[in-house]
Amino acid sequence: MTQDPEGKRILVIQTHGIETPRRTYSPLFYAMAAAAMEMEVMVWFTMDGTNQLKKGAAETVQLDPTSDVTLKTMLEQTLDAEVKLRVCQQSLSLFDMTVDDLIPGVEVLGATSIIDLALNYDHVMYF
């Protein structure tokens, strides 16, 4: 028995960054898939996941060397799919980053926001 996904809210928590490229694509792919199913989707970047949002960083990650798709491409496609990208404010300091270092389209939220988000979304996926 499958449920109607329309109207559902999915929160994807991404804790992996450019140092583990194989772990950066899947959360974005699943977020885009959920958005295509007409779900409201947010990806929350924290810990090492934060570094992929630094301007210039995502261009350096290419999962498949035979493809032109980089992590930057995936992030842009995710934003085009109307997935909300949010980053933990406290995680920025782990990488000496400020709001000005972030790629366009990312909003910063305080660390405690994740608790409210997890309680209010229908499902949480953690990577």
Protein backbone atom coordinates (compact mmCIF):
# COMPACT_ATOMS: atom_id res chain seq x y z
CA MET A 1 0.00 0.00 0.00
CA THR A 2 1.53 3.30 -1.07
CA GLN A 3 0.63 6.65 0.37
CA ASP A 4 0.00 9.79 -1.63
CA PRO A 5 3.25 11.80 -1.25
CA GLU A 6 1.67 15.10 -2.27
CA GLY A 7 1.64 17.58 0.56
CA LYS A 8 4.22 15.70 2.61
CA ARG A 9 7.24 17.49 4.02
CA ILE A 10 10.69 15.86 3.90
CA LEU A 11 13.73 17.08 5.82
CA VAL A 12 17.10 15.79 4.59
CA ILE A 13 20.02 16.24 6.98
CA GLN A 14 23.39 16.29 5.20
CA THR A 15 26.52 15.88 7.35
CA HIS A 16 29.06 14.92 4.65
CA GLY A 17 31.05 17.33 2.52
CA ILE A 18 33.64 17.57 -0.21
CA GLU A 19 36.11 15.27 1.54
CA THR A 20 33.67 12.36 1.00
CA PRO A 21 32.30 13.05 -2.50
CA ARG A 22 30.37 9.77 -2.76
CA ARG A 23 28.23 10.87 0.16
CA THR A 24 27.31 14.30 -1.25
CA TYR A 25 25.18 13.35 -4.27
CA SER A 26 22.56 10.96 -2.86
CA PRO A 27 20.92 13.37 -0.41
CA LEU A 28 20.51 15.93 -3.19
CA PHE A 29 19.21 13.32 -5.62
CA TYR A 30 16.62 12.09 -3.10
CA ALA A 31 15.62 15.66 -2.28
CA MET A 32 15.01 16.38 -5.97
CA ALA A 33 13.04 13.14 -6.34
CA ALA A 34 10.81 14.10 -3.40
CA ALA A 35 10.30 17.58 -4.87
CA ALA A 36 9.32 16.00 -8.20
CA MET A 37 6.69 14.05 -6.24
CA GLU A 38 5.27 17.42 -5.14
CA MET A 39 6.64 17.24 -1.61
CA GLU A 40 8.03 20.19 0.28
CA VAL A 41 11.72 19.47 0.80
CA MET A 42 14.50 21.05 2.82
CA VAL A 43 18.14 19.99 2.99
CA TRP A 44 19.83 20.96 6.25
CA PHE A 45 23.64 21.11 5.98
CA THR A 46 25.59 20.71 9.17
CA MET A 47 29.01 19.54 10.31
CA ASP A 48 31.13 18.58 7.26
CA GLY A 49 28.15 19.06 4.93
CA THR A 50 28.65 22.78 5.38
CA ASN A 51 31.86 22.95 3.34
CA GLN A 52 30.16 21.99 0.06
CA LEU A 53 28.22 25.25 0.23
CA LYS A 54 31.34 27.42 0.11
CA LYS A 55 31.68 29.34 -3.14
CA GLY A 56 34.03 27.40 -5.44
CA ALA A 57 34.04 24.17 -3.40
CA ALA A 58 31.29 22.23 -5.19
CA GLU A 59 33.01 22.69 -8.55
CA THR A 60 35.88 20.52 -7.30
CA VAL A 61 33.66 17.48 -6.67
CA GLN A 62 32.89 15.25 -9.65
CA LEU A 63 31.56 11.81 -8.77
CA ASP A 64 31.80 10.38 -12.27
CA PRO A 65 34.88 11.53 -14.23
CA THR A 66 33.13 10.66 -17.51
CA SER A 67 30.30 13.10 -16.77
CA ASP A 68 30.17 16.89 -16.79
CA VAL A 69 27.97 16.82 -13.67
CA THR A 70 29.69 18.28 -10.62
CA LEU A 71 28.39 18.78 -7.12
CA LYS A 72 27.76 22.39 -8.16
CA THR A 73 25.46 21.10 -10.92
CA MET A 74 23.57 18.99 -8.37
CA LEU A 75 23.18 21.91 -5.96
CA GLU A 76 21.90 24.16 -8.77
CA GLN A 77 19.43 21.49 -9.91
CA THR A 78 18.26 21.06 -6.33
CA LEU A 79 17.56 24.78 -6.05
CA ASP A 80 15.83 24.73 -9.46
CA ALA A 81 13.56 21.97 -8.09
CA GLU A 82 12.53 24.42 -5.33
CA VAL A 83 14.25 22.46 -2.59
CA LYS A 84 15.17 24.74 0.31
CA LEU A 85 18.85 24.69 1.22
CA ARG A 86 19.65 25.68 4.80
CA VAL A 87 22.90 25.62 6.74
CA CYS A 88 23.55 25.52 10.46
CA GLN A 89 24.97 28.85 11.59
CA GLN A 90 27.29 27.25 14.12
CA SER A 91 28.70 24.88 11.48
CA LEU A 92 29.93 27.83 9.44
CA SER A 93 32.56 28.55 12.09
CA LEU A 94 33.97 25.01 11.70
CA PHE A 95 35.20 26.07 8.26
CA ASP A 96 35.94 29.73 9.00
CA MET A 97 33.00 30.65 6.79
CA THR A 98 30.61 33.58 6.90
CA VAL A 99 27.32 34.17 5.11
CA ASP A 100 29.29 35.91 2.34
CA ASP A 101 31.15 32.65 1.62
CA LEU A 102 27.94 30.75 0.79
CA ILE A 103 26.68 29.97 -2.70
CA PRO A 104 23.52 31.85 -3.69
CA GLY A 105 20.22 30.37 -2.55
CA VAL A 106 21.35 29.09 0.85
CA GLU A 107 19.86 30.49 4.04
CA VAL A 108 21.42 30.31 7.50
CA LEU A 109 19.50 29.08 10.53
CA GLY A 110 20.56 28.70 14.16
CA ALA A 111 21.47 25.26 15.48
CA THR A 112 18.31 24.88 17.54
CA SER A 113 16.19 25.28 14.40
CA ILE A 114 16.88 21.66 13.51
CA ILE A 115 14.84 20.47 16.50
CA ASP A 116 11.76 22.42 15.42
CA LEU A 117 12.25 21.34 11.81
CA ALA A 118 12.54 17.65 12.69
CA LEU A 119 9.40 17.84 14.82
CA ASN A 120 7.38 19.63 12.15
CA TYR A 121 8.36 17.71 9.02
CA ASP A 122 6.60 14.45 8.16
CA HIS A 123 9.81 12.50 7.54
CA VAL A 124 13.51 13.01 8.23
CA MET A 125 16.32 11.45 6.20
CA TYR A 126 19.84 11.57 7.60
CA PHE A 127 23.08 11.32 5.62
